[in-house]
């Protein structure tokens, strides 16, 4: 089961950083037999509609170049070598903030 979280970092305006735990067990709690080789991160500006995405092998990502005046909704899935995709993580939302440095 994937669980997605947001965290704050020293990022530029328009960036949102995401993190999730690596998948190590199947949905029933047993040992995962097909190790995930990639994570699909998807997002959109409407809850439940994730039309943009990227693939990573890491459990963290910073999505750059987002509109600071817009709320974004994110989900993650994992895929194994046979291209079998997991169910979708919980959805999280965030708005990029403008960071002012003194």
Protein backbone atom coordinates (compact mmCIF):
# COMPACT_ATOMS: atom_id res chain seq x y z
CA UNK A 1 0.00 0.00 0.00
CA UNK A 2 1.44 3.35 -1.01
CA UNK A 3 1.10 6.31 1.30
CA UNK A 4 2.02 9.71 -0.07
CA UNK A 5 3.19 12.67 2.01
CA UNK A 6 4.18 16.25 1.36
CA UNK A 7 7.07 17.95 3.05
CA UNK A 8 8.50 21.43 2.97
CA UNK A 9 11.99 22.05 1.62
CA UNK A 10 13.97 25.05 0.52
CA UNK A 11 12.51 25.03 -2.97
CA UNK A 12 11.92 27.75 -5.51
CA UNK A 13 8.50 29.21 -6.17
CA UNK A 14 6.49 26.75 -8.22
CA UNK A 15 8.09 23.61 -6.72
CA UNK A 16 6.37 20.93 -4.62
CA UNK A 17 8.32 18.12 -2.95
CA UNK A 18 6.75 14.70 -2.36
CA UNK A 19 7.89 11.60 -0.46
CA UNK A 20 6.51 8.10 0.07
CA UNK A 21 7.62 4.86 1.69
CA UNK A 22 9.13 2.19 -0.52
CA UNK A 23 6.75 -0.67 -1.22
CA UNK A 24 7.97 -3.80 0.55
CA UNK A 25 4.81 -5.84 1.13
CA UNK A 26 1.84 -6.85 -0.95
CA UNK A 27 -1.68 -5.67 -0.13
CA UNK A 28 -2.22 -8.60 2.25
CA UNK A 29 0.81 -7.72 4.36
CA UNK A 30 2.99 -10.57 3.05
CA UNK A 31 6.42 -10.17 1.51
CA UNK A 32 6.36 -8.49 -1.88
CA UNK A 33 7.31 -11.01 -4.58
CA UNK A 34 7.63 -8.54 -7.47
CA UNK A 35 9.93 -5.73 -6.36
CA UNK A 36 8.82 -2.35 -7.68
CA UNK A 37 11.28 -0.95 -10.17
CA UNK A 38 9.63 2.43 -10.74
CA UNK A 39 7.06 4.78 -9.29
CA UNK A 40 4.54 6.70 -11.39
CA UNK A 41 3.82 10.15 -9.96
CA UNK A 42 0.72 11.81 -11.40
CA UNK A 43 -0.90 15.17 -10.72
CA UNK A 44 -3.60 17.54 -11.86
CA UNK A 45 -5.43 20.67 -10.84
CA UNK A 46 -8.72 18.88 -10.06
CA UNK A 47 -9.10 16.26 -7.33
CA UNK A 48 -9.31 12.77 -8.84
CA UNK A 49 -8.05 13.90 -12.26
CA UNK A 50 -4.31 13.32 -12.54
CA UNK A 51 -3.46 14.06 -16.18
CA UNK A 52 0.26 14.92 -15.93
CA UNK A 53 2.96 12.60 -14.70
CA UNK A 54 6.51 11.41 -14.51
CA UNK A 55 8.36 8.20 -13.61
CA UNK A 56 11.07 7.85 -10.97
CA UNK A 57 12.98 5.06 -9.22
CA UNK A 58 13.30 7.17 -6.06
CA UNK A 59 10.83 7.57 -3.21
CA UNK A 60 11.11 11.36 -3.31
CA UNK A 61 10.58 13.88 -6.06
CA UNK A 62 10.37 17.63 -6.50
CA UNK A 63 7.91 18.70 -9.18
CA UNK A 64 9.11 22.00 -10.62
CA UNK A 65 7.60 24.84 -12.58
CA UNK A 66 4.10 24.73 -11.12
CA UNK A 67 1.81 27.75 -10.95
CA UNK A 68 1.98 29.20 -7.40
CA UNK A 69 -1.65 30.35 -7.70
CA UNK A 70 -2.96 26.82 -8.34
CA UNK A 71 -3.69 23.86 -6.03
CA UNK A 72 -2.28 20.54 -7.32
CA UNK A 73 -3.46 17.00 -6.47
CA UNK A 74 -0.93 14.13 -6.46
CA UNK A 75 -1.02 10.32 -6.43
CA UNK A 76 1.66 7.62 -6.81
CA UNK A 77 1.60 4.05 -8.10
CA UNK A 78 4.43 1.52 -8.34
CA UNK A 79 5.23 -0.84 -11.21
CA UNK A 80 7.22 -4.05 -11.36
CA UNK A 81 9.42 -5.39 -14.19
CA UNK A 82 6.36 -6.98 -15.82
CA UNK A 83 4.67 -3.55 -15.98
CA UNK A 84 2.05 -4.55 -13.40
CA UNK A 85 0.86 -1.42 -11.65
CA UNK A 86 -0.25 -1.14 -8.04
CA UNK A 87 -3.38 0.54 -6.85
CA UNK A 88 -3.19 4.30 -6.43
CA UNK A 89 -1.86 5.88 -3.24
CA UNK A 90 -3.90 8.28 -1.19
CA UNK A 91 -4.28 11.67 -2.86
CA UNK A 92 -2.52 14.70 -1.39
CA UNK A 93 -2.88 18.33 -2.39
CA UNK A 94 -0.63 21.36 -2.16
CA UNK A 95 -0.10 24.81 -3.57
CA UNK A 96 3.45 25.98 -4.35
CA UNK A 97 4.45 28.91 -2.18
CA UNK A 98 6.66 31.84 -2.92
CA UNK A 99 9.72 31.69 -0.70
CA UNK A 100 11.25 35.04 0.17
CA UNK A 101 14.92 34.98 1.11
CA UNK A 102 16.43 37.78 3.17
